[in-house]
Amino acid sequence: MIVAESPFMTSSVTLAADKVLRSISSLDFWVNKPLRIVLILVLALVTSALMQIAIKHITNSIDRGTRARVIPASSKSYGGRWTQDIKTANARQAQRAKTVGSVLRSVASIVIWAVAIVMIIADLGFNIAPVLASAGVVGVALSFGAQSLVKDYLTGIFIVAEDQLGIGDWVDVGEASGEVEAVSLRTTQIRDTNGTLWHVRNGEILRVGNSSQGWARTNIDMPVPYDADIEHVNSVLMDAAKEAIATDAIRDHVVSEPEIWGVEKVSGEALTIRLSVKTAPSEQWAVARVLRLALKQALDNNGYHIPLINQSVVRSAPDHTASQQAGATSIMPQDTGATEG
């Protein structure tokens, strides 16, 4: 069965096609929404590129702020024994720049393209006011619930950017102290001397004491008798310290010559003399243990024994009266319950 095509239907399709063709071919169509969408995309690309350049400059400034570590050199004499560890510094630079740069690039890309998508949706005629209002309410709720998480991430960025600590450093962050095993943007893992691994939130770190940056120092206080010859004691301590530093145990961990800083404390029993030695980072404790033993033996060999604190022992005679009273028994008449007749 053949259905004849209506002249009215044909004319309607033709008019619709002509209208679409005229709108597409007109300048207003290309100047209006499509061109604006293209401009928004181009603007987003340009802004993203500019942000990448800015982030690159920021990471370069972070690299320049890295502090080089001190490591042993090939020479075994003072002055040439230690040198700056350029390789470690460069590795820390790359790590810090990579971490901070990735975070900044992610945040910049999310913000730029989120704004571009919202502008495109609004330009297409959709009403995005309810969506933005809902997103604002959700954002406020999340900001209250996740403010500690945001604080942890922001603090982690600054810790990495400012090179406050790194893997392998010996740090003291207040509640925990030990060797840093891992650093992320949210937490820092620290292994203490007892083997306990502490997971510290970056937002809770208010101060960082780093014993592994640049160099360290060990200070040893040695008490000597009050009436000792100070000049002779200083000579004995200096000779013992130099001999101990020359041994293989700590020779590669000492940066400079030992120094006698003088009398640090005066009491009724002793004089306390302080000896100081500049060491490599994180090696001050090992150097101090060897030096304490050497200095103690040197003082003993020269007749300077560490004085004891004045003590008084008071003995009292035993109280025989109290013991006799405690051992005495008393006989009391007992009531038999009988009645007189």
Foldseek 3Di string as FASTA:
>chain_A
DDDDDDPVVVVVVVVVVVVVVCLVPDPCNCVAQVVVLVVLVVVLVVQLVVQLVVLVVLLVVLLVLFFFFKAADPDLDAPRGIDTDPVVSVVLSVVLSVQLSVVSSVVSNVVSVVVSVVVSCVSVPDDCVVVVVVVVVVVVVVCVVCVLQVLLLVLLNCCSSNVLDDAQWFKDQDVDTAGWHDGDSFWTWHQHPVRDIDTGGSSPRPDMGTQQGYWHKAKDKDWWFPPDDQVVLVVLLQVLLVVLCPDPQNSSFFRDRKDWPAFDDDDPGTTITMIMTITGGPCRVSSVVSSVVSSQVSCVVVPTHRTDDDDDDDDDDDDVVVVVVVPDDDDDDDDPPDDDD
